[in-house]
Protein backbone atom coordinates (compact mmCIF):
# COMPACT_ATOMS: atom_id res chain seq x y z
CA UNK A 1 -56.55 -62.05 15.83
CA UNK A 2 -58.17 -58.61 15.79
CA UNK A 3 -58.69 -58.59 12.02
CA UNK A 4 -55.24 -59.94 11.20
CA UNK A 5 -54.55 -63.04 9.18
CA UNK A 6 -52.77 -66.17 10.34
CA UNK A 7 -51.15 -68.66 7.96
CA UNK A 8 -49.53 -72.00 8.67
CA UNK A 9 -47.46 -73.54 5.87
CA UNK A 10 -45.87 -76.93 6.48
CA UNK A 11 -43.44 -78.34 3.93
CA UNK A 12 -41.57 -81.57 3.43
CA UNK A 13 -38.85 -82.31 0.88
CA UNK A 14 -38.86 -85.90 -0.35
CA UNK A 15 -35.32 -85.55 -1.70
CA UNK A 16 -33.64 -84.23 1.43
CA UNK A 17 -36.25 -85.47 3.92
CA UNK A 18 -36.23 -82.03 5.53
CA UNK A 19 -39.41 -80.64 7.03
CA UNK A 20 -40.28 -77.21 8.29
CA UNK A 21 -43.27 -75.10 9.13
CA UNK A 22 -43.80 -71.39 8.58
CA UNK A 23 -46.32 -69.59 10.76
CA UNK A 24 -47.19 -66.07 9.70
CA UNK A 25 -49.32 -63.36 11.23
CA UNK A 26 -50.17 -60.14 9.43
CA UNK A 27 -52.04 -57.53 11.40
CA UNK A 28 -51.48 -54.60 9.06
CA UNK A 29 -48.92 -52.53 10.96
CA UNK A 30 -47.38 -55.61 12.58
CA UNK A 31 -46.29 -58.86 10.98
CA UNK A 32 -44.63 -61.92 12.49
CA UNK A 33 -43.09 -64.86 10.62
CA UNK A 34 -41.85 -67.88 12.55
CA UNK A 35 -39.92 -70.52 10.61
CA UNK A 36 -39.08 -73.74 12.42
CA UNK A 37 -37.47 -77.03 11.52
CA UNK A 38 -35.64 -79.68 13.50
CA UNK A 39 -32.33 -77.85 12.92
CA UNK A 40 -33.24 -74.18 13.08
CA UNK A 41 -35.81 -71.70 14.26
CA UNK A 42 -36.15 -68.04 13.32
CA UNK A 43 -38.66 -65.32 14.04
CA UNK A 44 -38.93 -62.04 12.13
CA UNK A 45 -41.14 -59.29 13.56
CA UNK A 46 -41.93 -56.11 11.64
CA UNK A 47 -43.82 -53.13 13.04
CA UNK A 48 -44.62 -50.03 11.00
CA UNK A 49 -45.53 -46.79 12.75
CA UNK A 50 -45.70 -44.50 9.74
CA UNK A 51 -42.42 -42.57 9.70
CA UNK A 52 -40.71 -45.24 11.82
CA UNK A 53 -40.39 -48.98 11.29
CA UNK A 54 -38.76 -51.61 13.45
CA UNK A 55 -37.63 -55.10 12.41
CA UNK A 56 -36.40 -57.74 14.85
CA UNK A 57 -34.86 -60.96 13.56
CA UNK A 58 -33.94 -63.63 16.07
CA UNK A 59 -32.67 -67.19 15.89
CA UNK A 60 -30.70 -69.33 18.28
CA UNK A 61 -27.44 -68.06 16.72
CA UNK A 62 -28.10 -64.39 16.01
CA UNK A 63 -30.35 -61.46 16.84
CA UNK A 64 -30.61 -58.21 14.90
CA UNK A 65 -32.67 -55.06 15.17
CA UNK A 66 -33.18 -52.64 12.28
CA UNK A 67 -34.76 -49.25 13.00
CA UNK A 68 -35.72 -46.94 10.13
CA UNK A 69 -37.01 -43.41 10.65
CA UNK A 70 -37.73 -40.70 8.11
CA UNK A 71 -38.64 -37.07 8.57
CA UNK A 72 -38.97 -34.88 5.53
CA UNK A 73 -35.83 -35.22 3.40
CA UNK A 74 -33.82 -36.97 6.14
CA UNK A 75 -33.70 -40.69 6.90
CA UNK A 76 -31.93 -42.64 9.63
CA UNK A 77 -31.25 -46.40 9.60
CA UNK A 78 -29.78 -48.11 12.64
CA UNK A 79 -28.80 -51.78 12.37
CA UNK A 80 -27.58 -53.52 15.51
CA UNK A 81 -26.63 -57.01 16.59
CA UNK A 82 -24.42 -58.26 19.39
CA UNK A 83 -21.38 -58.17 17.09
CA UNK A 84 -22.00 -55.24 14.74
CA UNK A 85 -23.70 -51.86 14.84
CA UNK A 86 -24.13 -49.43 11.96
CA UNK A 87 -25.93 -46.13 11.45
CA UNK A 88 -26.69 -44.39 8.17
CA UNK A 89 -28.13 -40.89 7.86
CA UNK A 90 -29.44 -39.94 4.43
CA UNK A 91 -30.25 -36.45 3.21
CA UNK A 92 -32.15 -35.76 -0.01
CA UNK A 93 -30.42 -32.56 -1.10
CA UNK A 94 -32.62 -31.87 -4.13
CA UNK A 95 -34.68 -33.88 -6.64
CA UNK A 96 -31.53 -35.37 -8.18
CA UNK A 97 -29.05 -35.74 -5.30
CA UNK A 98 -29.00 -37.79 -2.11
CA UNK A 99 -26.04 -38.20 0.26
CA UNK A 100 -25.79 -41.00 2.85
CA UNK A 101 -22.85 -41.23 5.27
CA UNK A 102 -22.55 -44.51 7.22
CA UNK A 103 -20.42 -45.36 10.25
CA UNK A 104 -20.08 -48.71 12.02
CA UNK A 105 -18.78 -49.91 15.37
CA UNK A 106 -15.35 -50.65 13.85
CA UNK A 107 -14.96 -46.98 12.97
CA UNK A 108 -15.37 -47.54 9.22
CA UNK A 109 -16.95 -44.58 7.46
CA UNK A 110 -18.43 -44.53 3.97
CA UNK A 111 -20.37 -41.96 2.00
CA UNK A 112 -22.82 -42.81 -0.76
CA UNK A 113 -23.83 -40.15 -3.26
CA UNK A 114 -26.86 -41.03 -5.35
CA UNK A 115 -27.45 -38.87 -8.42
CA UNK A 116 -30.37 -39.20 -10.78
CA UNK A 117 -29.40 -38.60 -14.39
CA UNK A 118 -32.97 -38.14 -15.56
CA UNK A 119 -35.17 -40.13 -17.91
CA UNK A 120 -33.29 -39.35 -21.12
CA UNK A 121 -29.83 -40.35 -19.81
CA UNK A 122 -28.44 -43.85 -19.59
């Protein structure tokens, strides 16, 4: 495991008679969590490369990739699945203001403006 940790957590519910097992691997920059039961299976993989992180979530019904990258005061988040794609680009304008436009594959556009009011404001 190259210094990483592996966990296996089985569970069983007496009330619903449902059982599943969660297998996790944490290798520092990379983590993997596999959850499996008789009805569903899902794997979530995270990899951190400093300024860039990648998350892949996959099950039999859906797959999604989330890519985050930051450089200075600018951040980019790309979220993509077979059915939906979205990109957000954030810019920290100054200590108190951040603007984040977002566009998706349907053509919807939104803009978020985050303003810090300071410690003495509610």
